[in-house]
Each structure stands twice: as structure tokens, then as C-alpha cells.
């Protein structure tokens, strides 16, 4: 056999191995189901009015009670028909809408079972609060997180139990940041973004890519103390290549973009994505290795510089570089790399998607842009924007909250019960009775579906309307309308002990960048603005069609 055919043959072998594993798993689950039916074993959880959900499906405890609502399936297929529908929704970029449609039909809480494994799907705020806060210790991330940690490294995003507590305790002080110093760190990067947009000379700009570049530049400076400067390296591409500067930013972004669809399949399909990955194993591993190499280099470079400074921190302006703090804590390079990669993917992907989604929404509604610019004119005027101004931009904050509501970068969350436990809602004819969750059962909640519930956000819940977050409706700039307190059901950064550590940093970053762009440019034109927002095949939620925007400065629109 020739060397050229060897990788292809290995790929087919891996695919065959994965299919064999999947077939064996299916057979074992079928045997388990038949055994359960044969012995007719129904555990007796307690005398509570519960509706039992186990690995063989739900069983009403008390005679005459209705069980938890169930997603219809062909029982002889053992849930594989559900998996088939999920796969095609993923293929058709309809996964989030699928979740919303199912909840509209089957209620706020329902159960599905695939190959003997039960999953509770809920958008009931009381259930979500129970999982994330009240009974936090009863749940874990599960097997998928342990699998991802083999490639991403162990860290705060994927760790469970004592390892998670240690990661959280380590990182929490590092995110108590100096906001004014952070804004000063943002400033030159936003200057580069504005220069990059102006260098396109009135052409449509791939704003999602631009958002990725500026967030990458800021995130890498925050983590490692050395920015990728991707906006500088691409500033003159297509205009004057001789003036372009070589930096690792664009190459790293290319690796991340190529990896995104594979990560999406892993999250949506779990172990059932293995046959797909088997055929692309070498490619996926090369992408992962490329990303790992970036962080390995950052760690070794920082170690070398700190040795020159005799182990002291080399940061300035009280803007702590997380990589330095970890080295000063005595962490090993392997531990640092795991934590850095966890923080990076949690911070970079979500913030870049939020910024792109914000301007996708704004450019569809010019009246909102004008209101934001009017607010900036009153609060900031002709001077430079400082940190204190950002907190006074109430309508901008409301606009960001509305973007998070309709286009949250993270559309769903999942936990697995580590012990038998209870959810307060979902059982009975009215769905208001408690349900027992047996160890090993998964609980999934769709923030996409939750944020579109008319009972929570009103009959116009599908509309982009920032005024819903203001006490006075339309903003009165002279009186400074106050933001409504976030509603219990609105949790864009998660809730409970595992809430987002970097939410203040992400919000400040997005607010500052948006404010600067709204003052630097007068008009914004979205290409294909009549086309609806469609979910991309990626880990985070952004517009598959792209966010291509034409930026006009003062007076430029009249001359086009």
C-alpha cells in the first residue's frame, strides 16, 4: 500500500471502530431496557408527590397522576429517531429554533430518552435556579467536559468537584480588575479597529471577523501581557501588502474558525459525533495542536522574561496579566496552559459573538443607532470616552442586554445529576409538581427558548426592543433612566457558583468598543439587511450569513 493511501485507510479504520463502538453501545442499551421490563423494577423514591425520571424513562409514582411531558418517539428505535431529527436540525442550522418549538409544544419541562439515557429539557426558572444555585452540589458537567479537558486542558470551564473549586478560588481574585486601567488598555486596540475599518475605503467590512480580531487582541494582552495585534497585521491587507505586519493573530483565528463546526457537533451530538470525527481525526488534532502551540509559546516567553526580571511581574498600570500571576503562584506550565485555554475560549468566543450580534441588531434599526448617538452626545460630548462614562450610558447598556436576550452567544447549558435529587416543577397535569431526578440524568436548559417566552418578556418577546429594560420606556436623557433589575429568568452570564467570572470585563469591553464606533461613524449599512438572522454551525451563536457592514463617517453618506 502506498504512503499516500495510508492516512485515508487509517481514517476509514477509525470510522469503522467508532461505528462498531456505537453499535455495541446500542446493543447494550437495548439489553438494559429489556432486563428492566423483565424484572419490572420501579424504585420507590419516597412518599413525595413526585414523577420519577430514570434511565428507562419516567414513571408516575402515584396512580392516576400524569407523568412529566415526554418528547414523542418511536419506542422500537429507542430514541434514535430523536437523534436523527437533531442531526438534521444541526445540519440545517436550526438547533436553537428546534428547542424553542419543542418547548412551545410540549411545555416548559419535558423528557426525552435516547438509548436508555434520559434528559430533562426545562426552561422553568425555578428548575434552572435549583440546578445552578440551590442544589448546585447535586450536579456536574459530566463526561463531555472530561473528554474536552483532554484536549483543552483542565481548567475552570470544564473542571468539576474539588478541581473546579480550586480553579475558581485561584482565578476569582485575578478578575477583580481595575476598570479604568482596562479602558486604557482597550483604547489603542479600538484605535486600530477604527483605522482598519477606514482603510476599507467605504467597502463592506466583515464585522464578525473585525470583532474577532479586536477581542483576540484584547484577550491575549489580558491573559499573556502580549497582544496578537491582529488588527495591525491585517490593516493594509488588500490595500498595501508591503506595509502589512506579520503577527500570530490571523493564523490563530483561522485555526479557531476551522475548529468551530467540530466543536458544535461535539456539543450537540455528544458521543454520537464520534463517527464523524473519526474521518477528520488528523485534521481536528492538527487544529487543536496549533492552538495549544500558541499558548505553550506564550508561557515559555513569559517565563524567560520573568527570569530576566528575577521572577517579578512585568505588568504595568495595575492591569494584571493572568499568566504572570499564575507563574507567581507556582503553577506548572501544564496547569497554566489548561487554565489559560479554558479562560480564553470562555472569554474570546462569547465576547466576539456578542459584539458582532450587537451591531447586526443595531444596523437593522437606524432609529436605535440615533438614540445611542444622542445619548453619547449628552454623556460624553466631544471629549474622549472614559470608564466613568460607560456606566452612565444607560440606553447602550439596555441595548446590550436586549442583544444578550435575543442573540446570547451561549444558547443552552447542560448538567448531569451526580446523585438522586429533585426539581421543583415539571410533573403533574399542570406541570407544577416536583419531579425526581435519578443519578445520571441530564438536565438541559435552552436560554434561546427561555429568552423568547411571552409570559416573561411580553407578547413582543420576539422583537428587538431595548426599552423593555428601562423604567421609563423611551429614554429621557436629562433624567437618566435607570435600568430595570435583571429579571429572575434572564441569566445571560449564568447563575449560581458557576456564573461567568469575566462578565464585568466582557460587558465593559463591549460597551466601550460600541461607544467608540458609534462616535467615530455616523451611519451603518448592513448588507442583506432584510435576510433574517440564522444560527451558524459553531460553538457560539452568531449570524451564519455574516455581519457585513459599511461604515460611513460624518458627511460621507451624502457623497455615495
Protein backbone atom coordinates (compact mmCIF):
# COMPACT_ATOMS: atom_id res chain seq x y z
CA UNK A 1 0.00 0.00 0.00
CA UNK A 2 1.36 3.43 -0.94
CA UNK A 3 2.08 6.08 1.65
CA UNK A 4 -0.47 8.37 0.00
CA UNK A 5 -3.27 5.95 0.79
CA UNK A 6 -2.18 5.30 4.38
CA UNK A 7 -3.94 8.34 6.03
CA UNK A 8 -7.18 7.56 4.18
CA UNK A 9 -7.04 3.93 5.23
CA UNK A 10 -6.43 4.91 8.84
CA UNK A 11 -9.36 7.31 8.65
CA UNK A 12 -11.68 4.54 7.44
CA UNK A 13 -10.35 2.26 10.19
CA UNK A 14 -11.14 4.85 12.83
CA UNK A 15 -14.61 5.31 11.35
CA UNK A 16 -15.20 1.55 11.43
CA UNK A 17 -14.02 1.43 15.04
CA UNK A 18 -16.34 4.26 16.02
CA UNK A 19 -19.31 2.63 14.27
CA UNK A 20 -18.54 -0.67 15.99
CA UNK A 21 -18.44 1.11 19.34
CA UNK A 22 -21.75 2.85 18.61
CA UNK A 23 -23.37 -0.44 17.59
CA UNK A 24 -22.13 -2.14 20.76
CA UNK A 25 -23.46 0.73 22.86
CA UNK A 26 -26.84 0.48 21.17
CA UNK A 27 -26.97 -3.29 21.79
CA UNK A 28 -26.10 -2.88 25.48
CA UNK A 29 -28.77 -0.21 25.94
CA UNK A 30 -31.37 -2.44 24.31
CA UNK A 31 -30.41 -5.29 26.62
CA UNK A 32 -30.65 -2.98 29.62
CA UNK A 33 -34.16 -1.90 28.60
CA UNK A 34 -35.32 -5.49 28.11
CA UNK A 35 -33.94 -6.51 31.50
CA UNK A 36 -35.74 -3.60 33.21
CA UNK A 37 -39.01 -4.62 31.58
CA UNK A 38 -38.48 -8.27 32.53
CA UNK A 39 -37.89 -7.67 36.21
CA UNK A 40 -40.37 -4.74 36.27
CA UNK A 41 -38.28 -2.87 38.81
CA UNK A 42 -39.61 0.53 39.81
CA UNK A 43 -37.63 2.17 42.64
CA UNK A 44 -39.64 3.69 45.44
CA UNK A 45 -38.13 7.15 45.87
CA UNK A 46 -40.25 8.42 48.75
CA UNK A 47 -43.75 9.35 49.73
CA UNK A 48 -43.47 12.72 47.97
CA UNK A 49 -45.82 13.51 45.08
CA UNK A 50 -43.01 13.01 42.57
CA UNK A 51 -42.86 11.92 38.97
CA UNK A 52 -39.96 9.58 38.63
CA UNK A 53 -37.47 10.03 35.80
CA UNK A 54 -34.84 7.32 35.40
CA UNK A 55 -32.66 5.86 32.70
CA UNK A 56 -35.65 3.85 31.45
CA UNK A 57 -37.92 6.87 31.21
CA UNK A 58 -40.46 8.42 33.55
CA UNK A 59 -42.88 6.55 35.78
CA UNK A 60 -45.70 8.23 37.71
CA UNK A 61 -45.39 7.30 41.35
CA UNK A 62 -48.99 7.77 42.35
CA UNK A 63 -51.82 6.12 40.47
CA UNK A 64 -53.86 8.48 38.36
CA UNK A 65 -51.15 11.15 38.22
CA UNK A 66 -49.92 12.31 34.83
CA UNK A 67 -46.17 11.87 34.27
CA UNK A 68 -43.82 14.54 33.08
CA UNK A 69 -44.43 15.53 29.45
CA UNK A 70 -42.47 13.37 27.01
CA UNK A 71 -41.00 14.16 23.60
CA UNK A 72 -42.69 11.74 21.17
CA UNK A 73 -40.50 8.99 19.76
CA UNK A 74 -40.71 5.56 18.17
CA UNK A 75 -40.10 3.21 21.10
CA UNK A 76 -38.72 0.44 18.90
CA UNK A 77 -36.00 2.84 17.75
CA UNK A 78 -35.04 3.66 21.36
CA UNK A 79 -34.73 7.39 20.66
CA UNK A 80 -32.57 7.14 17.57
CA UNK A 81 -35.34 8.96 15.68
CA UNK A 82 -34.83 11.91 18.05
CA UNK A 83 -31.11 11.79 17.37
CA UNK A 84 -31.81 11.71 13.62
CA UNK A 85 -34.03 14.80 13.84
CA UNK A 86 -31.44 16.58 15.97
CA UNK A 87 -28.73 15.81 13.42
CA UNK A 88 -30.72 17.28 10.55
CA UNK A 89 -31.66 20.37 12.58
CA UNK A 90 -27.95 20.81 13.24
CA UNK A 91 -27.26 20.40 9.54
CA UNK A 92 -29.99 22.94 8.66
CA UNK A 93 -28.78 25.48 11.27
CA UNK A 94 -32.00 25.09 13.22
CA UNK A 95 -30.89 23.66 16.58
CA UNK A 96 -31.92 26.64 18.72
CA UNK A 97 -35.25 27.11 16.94
CA UNK A 98 -35.88 23.39 17.41
CA UNK A 99 -35.55 23.80 21.18
CA UNK A 100 -37.98 26.75 21.14
CA UNK A 101 -40.51 24.85 19.01
CA UNK A 102 -40.39 21.81 21.28
CA UNK A 103 -40.97 23.87 24.41
CA UNK A 104 -43.87 25.68 22.72
CA UNK A 105 -45.49 22.31 22.01
CA UNK A 106 -44.51 20.12 24.98
CA UNK A 107 -44.31 22.68 27.76
CA UNK A 108 -41.68 24.29 29.92
CA UNK A 109 -40.38 20.91 31.11
CA UNK A 110 -40.31 17.62 29.22
CA UNK A 111 -38.18 14.49 28.96
CA UNK A 112 -36.52 12.68 26.07
CA UNK A 113 -34.77 9.31 26.11
CA UNK A 114 -32.08 8.19 23.67
CA UNK A 115 -30.62 4.68 24.02
CA UNK A 116 -31.79 4.46 27.59
CA UNK A 117 -30.40 7.81 28.73
CA UNK A 118 -32.97 10.35 29.92
CA UNK A 119 -32.62 14.10 29.51
CA UNK A 120 -34.84 16.68 31.17
CA UNK A 121 -35.36 19.77 29.00
CA UNK A 122 -36.57 22.73 31.04
CA UNK A 123 -36.99 26.49 30.76
CA UNK A 124 -38.74 26.83 34.09
CA UNK A 125 -36.77 29.49 36.04
CA UNK A 126 -37.33 27.65 39.34
CA UNK A 127 -35.76 24.48 37.90
CA UNK A 128 -32.79 26.37 36.45
CA UNK A 129 -32.19 28.13 39.77
CA UNK A 130 -32.35 24.77 41.56
CA UNK A 131 -29.70 23.25 39.28
CA UNK A 132 -27.34 26.23 39.23
CA UNK A 133 -27.72 27.51 42.79
CA UNK A 134 -29.95 25.78 45.36
CA UNK A 135 -28.82 22.20 44.65
CA UNK A 136 -25.55 23.10 42.93
CA UNK A 137 -23.63 20.26 44.60
CA UNK A 138 -26.06 17.68 43.14
CA UNK A 139 -24.92 18.32 39.57
CA UNK A 140 -21.76 18.11 37.48
CA UNK A 141 -20.64 18.93 33.94
CA UNK A 142 -20.42 15.24 33.04
CA UNK A 143 -18.47 13.07 30.64
CA UNK A 144 -18.35 15.55 27.76
CA UNK A 145 -16.40 18.02 29.91
CA UNK A 146 -13.89 15.35 30.89
CA UNK A 147 -13.44 14.46 27.21
CA UNK A 148 -12.90 18.09 26.21
CA UNK A 149 -10.39 18.56 29.05
CA UNK A 150 -8.10 16.00 27.37
CA UNK A 151 -7.61 18.47 24.52
CA UNK A 152 -8.33 21.86 26.08
CA UNK A 153 -6.63 21.05 29.36
CA UNK A 154 -8.08 21.07 32.84
CA UNK A 155 -9.46 24.40 33.97
CA UNK A 156 -12.33 26.36 35.41
CA UNK A 157 -14.61 25.83 32.39
CA UNK A 158 -14.54 22.02 32.35
CA UNK A 159 -13.46 21.01 35.85
CA UNK A 160 -15.87 19.51 38.38
CA UNK A 161 -15.86 18.97 42.14
CA UNK A 162 -12.75 19.85 44.11
CA UNK A 163 -10.77 20.64 40.95
CA UNK A 164 -13.36 23.24 39.96
CA UNK A 165 -13.36 24.78 43.45
CA UNK A 166 -9.56 25.08 43.28
CA UNK A 167 -9.68 26.69 39.82
CA UNK A 168 -12.40 29.12 40.83
CA UNK A 169 -10.57 30.13 44.03
CA UNK A 170 -7.39 30.69 42.03
CA UNK A 171 -8.97 32.81 39.28
CA UNK A 172 -11.55 34.85 41.16
CA UNK A 173 -9.03 37.36 42.61
CA UNK A 174 -7.45 37.74 39.16
CA UNK A 175 -10.75 39.01 37.75
CA UNK A 176 -11.11 41.77 40.34
CA UNK A 177 -9.77 44.20 37.81
CA UNK A 178 -9.07 47.93 37.65
CA UNK A 179 -11.82 49.07 35.25
CA UNK A 180 -10.21 52.43 34.45
CA UNK A 181 -6.91 50.73 33.61
CA UNK A 182 -8.78 48.20 31.46
CA UNK A 183 -10.34 51.02 29.44
CA UNK A 184 -6.88 52.48 28.89
CA UNK A 185 -5.80 49.02 27.68
CA UNK A 186 -8.78 48.89 25.28
CA UNK A 187 -8.12 52.34 23.80
CA UNK A 188 -5.23 51.61 21.39
CA UNK A 189 -6.92 48.43 20.17
CA UNK A 190 -10.11 50.34 19.33
CA UNK A 191 -7.97 52.95 17.58
CA UNK A 192 -6.59 50.11 15.43
CA UNK A 193 -10.12 48.84 14.74
CA UNK A 194 -11.29 52.27 13.57
CA UNK A 195 -8.20 52.63 11.37
CA UNK A 196 -8.81 49.15 9.95
CA UNK A 197 -12.43 49.99 9.08
CA UNK A 198 -11.43 53.31 7.48
CA UNK A 199 -8.74 51.54 5.45
CA UNK A 200 -11.50 49.60 3.68
CA UNK A 201 -12.46 52.89 1.98
CA UNK A 202 -16.23 52.59 2.10
CA UNK A 203 -16.43 48.88 1.29
CA UNK A 204 -18.44 46.38 3.31
CA UNK A 205 -16.43 45.14 6.29
CA UNK A 206 -16.68 41.59 7.61
CA UNK A 207 -17.55 42.87 11.05
CA UNK A 208 -17.63 39.47 12.71
CA UNK A 209 -14.01 39.00 11.66
CA UNK A 210 -13.20 42.51 12.85
CA UNK A 211 -14.90 41.76 16.18
CA UNK A 212 -12.86 38.56 16.48
CA UNK A 213 -9.64 40.46 15.81
CA UNK A 214 -10.14 43.18 18.39
CA UNK A 215 -11.40 40.78 21.05
CA UNK A 216 -8.47 38.45 20.33
CA UNK A 217 -6.01 41.33 20.63
CA UNK A 218 -7.51 42.46 23.95
CA UNK A 219 -7.93 38.96 25.38
CA UNK A 220 -4.38 37.89 24.60
CA UNK A 221 -3.00 41.06 26.16
CA UNK A 222 -5.13 40.49 29.26
CA UNK A 223 -4.06 36.85 29.57
CA UNK A 224 -0.44 36.90 28.48
CA UNK A 225 0.64 40.53 28.53
CA UNK A 226 1.43 40.36 24.80
CA UNK A 227 -1.31 41.15 22.28
CA UNK A 228 -1.56 39.28 18.99
CA UNK A 229 -2.04 42.68 17.27
CA UNK A 230 -4.10 41.02 14.53
CA UNK A 231 -5.71 44.34 13.51
CA UNK A 232 -2.27 45.78 12.79
CA UNK A 233 -1.24 42.76 10.71
CA UNK A 234 -4.39 42.90 8.55
CA UNK A 235 -4.83 46.66 8.50
CA UNK A 236 -3.48 47.09 4.97
CA UNK A 237 -4.24 43.66 3.52
CA UNK A 238 -5.85 44.12 0.12
CA UNK A 239 -4.64 47.74 0.01
CA UNK A 240 -0.88 47.71 0.51
CA UNK A 241 0.53 44.31 1.32
CA UNK A 242 4.05 45.68 1.57
CA UNK A 243 3.03 47.57 4.72
CA UNK A 244 1.36 44.60 6.43
CA UNK A 245 2.93 43.24 9.60
CA UNK A 246 3.23 39.54 10.39
CA UNK A 247 1.67 38.57 13.75
CA UNK A 248 0.21 35.26 15.04
CA UNK A 249 -3.32 36.69 15.31
CA UNK A 250 -4.80 35.90 11.87
CA UNK A 251 -3.34 32.37 11.85
CA UNK A 252 -4.79 31.69 15.31
CA UNK A 253 -8.19 32.97 14.19
CA UNK A 254 -8.11 30.68 11.17
CA UNK A 255 -7.44 27.69 13.43
CA UNK A 256 -10.32 28.65 15.74
CA UNK A 257 -12.77 29.18 12.86
CA UNK A 258 -11.91 25.79 11.36
CA UNK A 259 -12.38 24.10 14.72
CA UNK A 260 -15.74 25.76 15.49
CA UNK A 261 -18.02 23.42 13.46
CA UNK A 262 -16.40 20.34 15.01
CA UNK A 263 -16.91 21.77 18.49
CA UNK A 264 -20.54 22.45 17.65
CA UNK A 265 -21.10 18.82 16.63
CA UNK A 266 -19.43 17.59 19.82
CA UNK A 267 -21.74 19.71 21.99
CA UNK A 268 -24.94 18.94 20.06
CA UNK A 269 -24.42 15.23 19.37
CA UNK A 270 -22.08 14.14 22.17
CA UNK A 271 -20.63 10.62 21.68
CA UNK A 272 -22.73 10.20 18.53
CA UNK A 273 -20.39 12.63 16.78
CA UNK A 274 -17.53 10.11 17.04
CA UNK A 275 -18.07 8.52 13.60
CA UNK A 276 -17.95 11.98 12.02
CA UNK A 277 -14.80 12.92 13.92
CA UNK A 278 -13.07 9.65 13.02
CA UNK A 279 -12.87 10.62 9.36
CA UNK A 280 -11.42 14.02 10.25
CA UNK A 281 -9.29 12.97 13.21
CA UNK A 282 -5.94 14.14 11.83
CA UNK A 283 -7.32 17.50 10.73
CA UNK A 284 -9.02 18.14 14.08
CA UNK A 285 -5.90 17.19 16.02
CA UNK A 286 -3.75 19.47 13.85
CA UNK A 287 -6.09 22.38 14.64
CA UNK A 288 -6.01 21.63 18.37
CA UNK A 289 -2.22 21.29 18.32
CA UNK A 290 -1.89 24.64 16.55
CA UNK A 291 -3.93 26.39 19.25
CA UNK A 292 -2.03 24.61 22.03
CA UNK A 293 1.28 25.70 20.48
CA UNK A 294 0.25 29.36 20.72
CA UNK A 295 -0.24 29.09 24.49
CA UNK A 296 2.86 26.96 25.02
CA UNK A 297 4.89 29.68 23.31
CA UNK A 298 3.24 32.42 25.40
CA UNK A 299 4.07 30.59 28.63
CA UNK A 300 7.70 29.90 27.71
CA UNK A 301 8.21 33.50 26.53
CA UNK A 302 6.75 34.91 29.75
CA UNK A 303 8.91 32.56 31.84
CA UNK A 304 12.01 33.78 30.01
CA UNK A 305 11.13 37.45 30.51
CA UNK A 306 10.29 36.92 34.20
CA UNK A 307 13.62 35.19 34.72
CA UNK A 308 15.28 38.33 33.37
CA UNK A 309 13.26 40.33 35.90
CA UNK A 310 14.14 37.81 38.64
CA UNK A 311 10.67 36.31 38.90
CA UNK A 312 8.76 39.56 39.43
CA UNK A 313 5.66 40.61 37.49
CA UNK A 314 6.31 42.67 34.38
CA UNK A 315 2.83 44.19 34.02
CA UNK A 316 2.11 47.89 34.17
CA UNK A 317 -0.71 50.29 35.06
CA UNK A 318 -2.13 47.84 37.60
CA UNK A 319 -3.51 45.74 34.72
CA UNK A 320 -2.61 42.29 35.97
CA UNK A 321 -1.54 39.78 33.34
CA UNK A 322 -3.09 36.48 34.34
CA UNK A 323 -0.22 34.37 33.03
CA UNK A 324 2.21 36.24 35.30
CA UNK A 325 0.02 35.79 38.35
CA UNK A 326 -0.23 32.06 37.70
CA UNK A 327 3.55 31.76 37.38
CA UNK A 328 4.00 33.71 40.61
CA UNK A 329 1.57 31.27 42.26
CA UNK A 330 3.99 28.46 41.44
CA UNK A 331 1.73 26.66 38.95
CA UNK A 332 3.32 24.27 36.47
CA UNK A 333 3.32 25.14 32.75
CA UNK A 334 0.82 22.32 32.10
CA UNK A 335 -1.58 23.67 34.77
CA UNK A 336 -1.20 27.22 33.44
CA UNK A 337 -1.85 26.15 29.87
CA UNK A 338 -5.04 24.33 30.85
CA UNK A 339 -6.41 27.29 32.77
CA UNK A 340 -5.39 29.78 30.06
CA UNK A 341 -7.09 27.78 27.33
CA UNK A 342 -10.25 27.43 29.43
CA UNK A 343 -10.38 31.18 30.10
CA UNK A 344 -9.52 32.03 26.51
CA UNK A 345 -12.34 30.03 24.92
CA UNK A 346 -14.84 31.21 27.55
CA UNK A 347 -13.87 34.86 27.06
CA UNK A 348 -12.87 35.24 23.41
CA UNK A 349 -15.60 33.32 21.59
CA UNK A 350 -18.51 34.72 23.57
CA UNK A 351 -17.40 38.37 23.59
CA UNK A 352 -16.61 38.37 19.86
CA UNK A 353 -20.03 36.87 19.12
CA UNK A 354 -21.77 39.40 21.40
CA UNK A 355 -20.06 42.35 19.70
CA UNK A 356 -20.91 41.05 16.21
CA UNK A 357 -24.51 40.30 17.22
CA UNK A 358 -24.90 43.76 18.78
CA UNK A 359 -24.02 45.53 15.53
CA UNK A 360 -26.05 43.04 13.49
CA UNK A 361 -29.07 44.15 15.54
CA UNK A 362 -28.22 47.88 15.55
CA UNK A 363 -27.70 48.17 11.81
CA UNK A 364 -31.19 46.76 11.24
CA UNK A 365 -32.74 49.60 13.30
CA UNK A 366 -31.28 53.04 12.47
CA UNK A 367 -33.58 54.77 14.98
CA UNK A 368 -31.87 52.89 17.82
CA UNK A 369 -28.47 53.96 16.45
CA UNK A 370 -29.61 57.61 16.52
CA UNK A 371 -30.81 57.31 20.11
CA UNK A 372 -27.48 55.79 21.14
CA UNK A 373 -25.57 58.58 19.40
CA UNK A 374 -27.79 61.17 21.09
CA UNK A 375 -27.04 59.60 24.47
CA UNK A 376 -23.31 59.66 23.73
CA UNK A 377 -23.52 63.32 22.71
CA UNK A 378 -25.06 64.22 26.09
CA UNK A 379 -22.88 61.99 28.30
CA UNK A 380 -19.54 62.31 26.51
CA UNK A 381 -19.74 65.23 24.10
CA UNK A 382 -16.55 65.91 22.14
CA UNK A 383 -14.05 64.50 24.64
CA UNK A 384 -12.59 61.01 24.89
CA UNK A 385 -14.67 58.27 26.50
CA UNK A 386 -13.50 57.20 29.96
CA UNK A 387 -14.62 54.41 32.26
CA UNK A 388 -16.99 56.63 34.25
CA UNK A 389 -18.88 57.46 31.03
CA UNK A 390 -19.58 53.81 30.27
CA UNK A 391 -21.58 53.37 33.46
CA UNK A 392 -23.78 56.38 32.52
CA UNK A 393 -24.66 55.07 29.04
CA UNK A 394 -27.94 53.55 30.18
CA UNK A 395 -29.53 53.09 26.77
CA UNK A 396 -26.37 51.41 25.46
CA UNK A 397 -26.48 49.04 28.42
CA UNK A 398 -30.14 48.28 27.67
CA UNK A 399 -29.25 47.61 24.03
CA UNK A 400 -26.53 45.15 25.05
CA UNK A 401 -28.97 43.39 27.42
CA UNK A 402 -31.50 43.11 24.61
CA UNK A 403 -28.83 41.64 22.33
CA UNK A 404 -27.96 39.12 25.04
CA UNK A 405 -31.63 38.24 25.37
CA UNK A 406 -32.32 37.54 21.69
CA UNK A 407 -28.85 36.55 20.49
CA UNK A 408 -26.99 35.21 23.50
CA UNK A 409 -23.63 33.73 22.45
CA UNK A 410 -24.41 30.63 24.55
CA UNK A 411 -27.79 29.16 23.63
CA UNK A 412 -28.04 26.27 26.07
CA UNK A 413 -26.47 24.68 29.15
CA UNK A 414 -26.32 21.13 30.45
CA UNK A 415 -25.66 19.43 33.78
CA UNK A 416 -25.78 15.81 34.89
CA UNK A 417 -27.14 14.64 38.25
CA UNK A 418 -24.36 13.18 40.37
CA UNK A 419 -26.91 11.87 42.86
CA UNK A 420 -30.68 11.37 43.16
CA UNK A 421 -32.24 14.82 43.52
CA UNK A 422 -35.42 16.81 42.87
CA UNK A 423 -36.55 19.57 40.54
CA UNK A 424 -39.45 21.65 41.91
CA UNK A 425 -41.50 21.91 38.69
CA UNK A 426 -42.45 19.80 35.69
CA UNK A 427 -44.67 16.97 36.96
CA UNK A 428 -48.43 16.52 37.12
CA UNK A 429 -51.22 17.62 34.81
CA UNK A 430 -50.31 21.30 35.23
CA UNK A 431 -46.52 20.81 35.27
CA UNK A 432 -46.27 22.34 38.73
CA UNK A 433 -45.44 19.19 40.75
CA UNK A 434 -41.89 18.20 41.75
CA UNK A 435 -40.03 15.55 39.79
CA UNK A 436 -37.35 13.17 40.99
CA UNK A 437 -34.09 13.25 39.05
CA UNK A 438 -32.19 9.99 39.29
CA UNK A 439 -28.39 9.94 39.33
CA UNK A 440 -27.00 10.12 35.78
CA UNK A 441 -29.96 12.01 34.30
CA UNK A 442 -29.05 15.06 32.24
CA UNK A 443 -30.77 18.42 32.66
CA UNK A 444 -30.65 20.86 29.73
CA UNK A 445 -32.00 24.40 29.57
CA UNK A 446 -32.18 26.49 26.42
CA UNK A 447 -31.51 30.18 27.06
CA UNK A 448 -32.61 30.79 23.47
CA UNK A 449 -36.09 29.41 24.25
CA UNK A 450 -36.21 30.90 27.76
CA UNK A 451 -35.49 34.42 26.49
CA UNK A 452 -38.33 34.25 23.96
CA UNK A 453 -41.15 33.39 26.39
CA UNK A 454 -44.05 35.83 26.12
CA UNK A 455 -45.01 35.10 29.73
CA UNK A 456 -41.69 36.57 30.86
CA UNK A 457 -40.82 39.25 28.30
CA UNK A 458 -44.24 40.19 26.93
CA UNK A 459 -46.12 39.50 23.73
CA UNK A 460 -43.39 41.30 21.76
CA UNK A 461 -40.71 38.94 23.08
CA UNK A 462 -39.51 38.18 19.53
CA UNK A 463 -38.85 41.88 18.83
CA UNK A 464 -35.58 43.72 19.46
CA UNK A 465 -36.68 46.48 21.84
CA UNK A 466 -34.09 47.83 24.31
CA UNK A 467 -36.76 49.98 26.01
CA UNK A 468 -38.07 46.90 27.82
CA UNK A 469 -35.02 47.21 30.13
CA UNK A 470 -35.74 50.83 31.09
CA UNK A 471 -38.07 52.05 33.81
CA UNK A 472 -39.29 54.99 31.74
CA UNK A 473 -39.76 53.27 28.38
CA UNK A 474 -38.27 55.73 25.92
CA UNK A 475 -35.05 57.13 27.42
CA UNK A 476 -35.15 60.62 28.88
CA UNK A 477 -31.55 61.78 28.64
CA UNK A 478 -31.89 64.63 31.12
CA UNK A 479 -33.31 62.45 33.90
CA UNK A 480 -31.07 59.46 33.20
CA UNK A 481 -33.47 56.48 33.20
CA UNK A 482 -32.47 53.62 35.44
CA UNK A 483 -32.12 50.08 34.17
CA UNK A 484 -34.66 47.65 35.43
CA UNK A 485 -33.19 44.95 37.63
CA UNK A 486 -32.46 41.85 35.57
CA UNK A 487 -35.44 39.58 35.70
CA UNK A 488 -35.09 36.27 37.52
CA UNK A 489 -35.40 34.37 34.26
CA UNK A 490 -32.74 36.41 32.47
CA UNK A 491 -29.33 34.85 33.13
CA UNK A 492 -27.03 35.69 30.17
CA UNK A 493 -23.89 35.07 32.23
CA UNK A 494 -25.22 32.07 34.12
CA UNK A 495 -26.20 31.98 37.78
CA UNK A 496 -25.01 30.43 41.00
CA UNK A 497 -21.42 29.48 41.87
CA UNK A 498 -20.52 28.76 38.22
CA UNK A 499 -21.60 32.16 36.89
CA UNK A 500 -19.22 33.86 34.46
CA UNK A 501 -16.10 35.21 36.16
CA UNK A 502 -15.43 37.67 33.35
CA UNK A 503 -18.90 39.13 32.88
CA UNK A 504 -17.92 42.62 34.08
CA UNK A 505 -14.83 42.64 31.85
CA UNK A 506 -16.84 41.42 28.82
CA UNK A 507 -19.61 43.99 29.35
CA UNK A 508 -17.13 46.84 29.81
CA UNK A 509 -15.20 45.77 26.71
CA UNK A 510 -18.32 45.51 24.53
CA UNK A 511 -19.72 48.82 25.81
CA UNK A 512 -16.50 50.73 25.22
CA UNK A 513 -15.93 49.35 21.71
CA UNK A 514 -19.56 50.04 20.73
CA UNK A 515 -19.45 53.59 22.13
CA UNK A 516 -16.26 54.39 20.24
CA UNK A 517 -17.63 53.06 16.94
CA UNK A 518 -20.91 54.94 17.38
CA UNK A 519 -19.00 58.20 17.80
CA UNK A 520 -16.42 57.51 15.08
CA UNK A 521 -19.03 56.73 12.40
CA UNK A 522 -22.38 58.35 11.70
CA UNK A 523 -24.20 55.75 9.57
CA UNK A 524 -24.09 51.97 9.30
CA UNK A 525 -25.41 49.85 6.45
CA UNK A 526 -25.88 46.08 6.81
CA UNK A 527 -25.51 44.04 3.65
CA UNK A 528 -28.55 41.76 3.11
CA UNK A 529 -30.28 43.51 6.00
CA UNK A 530 -33.64 42.04 5.00
CA UNK A 531 -32.36 38.46 5.43
CA UNK A 532 -33.25 37.01 8.84
CA UNK A 533 -30.61 36.16 11.43
CA UNK A 534 -29.66 32.47 11.04
CA UNK A 535 -27.70 30.38 13.50
CA UNK A 536 -24.18 29.39 12.44
CA UNK A 537 -22.69 25.90 12.87
CA UNK A 538 -20.42 26.96 15.71
CA UNK A 539 -19.93 26.68 19.46
CA UNK A 540 -21.23 30.23 19.94
CA UNK A 541 -24.34 31.82 18.42
CA UNK A 542 -23.82 34.32 15.61
CA UNK A 543 -25.26 35.03 12.17
CA UNK A 544 -24.38 32.31 9.67
CA UNK A 545 -24.88 34.76 6.81
CA UNK A 546 -22.20 37.01 8.22
CA UNK A 547 -22.35 40.56 9.52
CA UNK A 548 -21.06 42.69 6.65
CA UNK A 549 -21.34 46.38 7.46
CA UNK A 550 -20.50 49.54 5.53
CA UNK A 551 -19.37 52.34 7.88
CA UNK A 552 -19.94 55.98 6.93
CA UNK A 553 -18.22 58.92 8.60
CA UNK A 554 -19.73 62.37 9.06
CA UNK A 555 -21.00 63.59 5.67
CA UNK A 556 -19.83 60.52 3.74
CA UNK A 557 -23.34 59.16 3.16
CA UNK A 558 -24.32 62.19 1.08
CA UNK A 559 -21.36 61.65 -1.26
CA UNK A 560 -22.06 57.99 -2.07
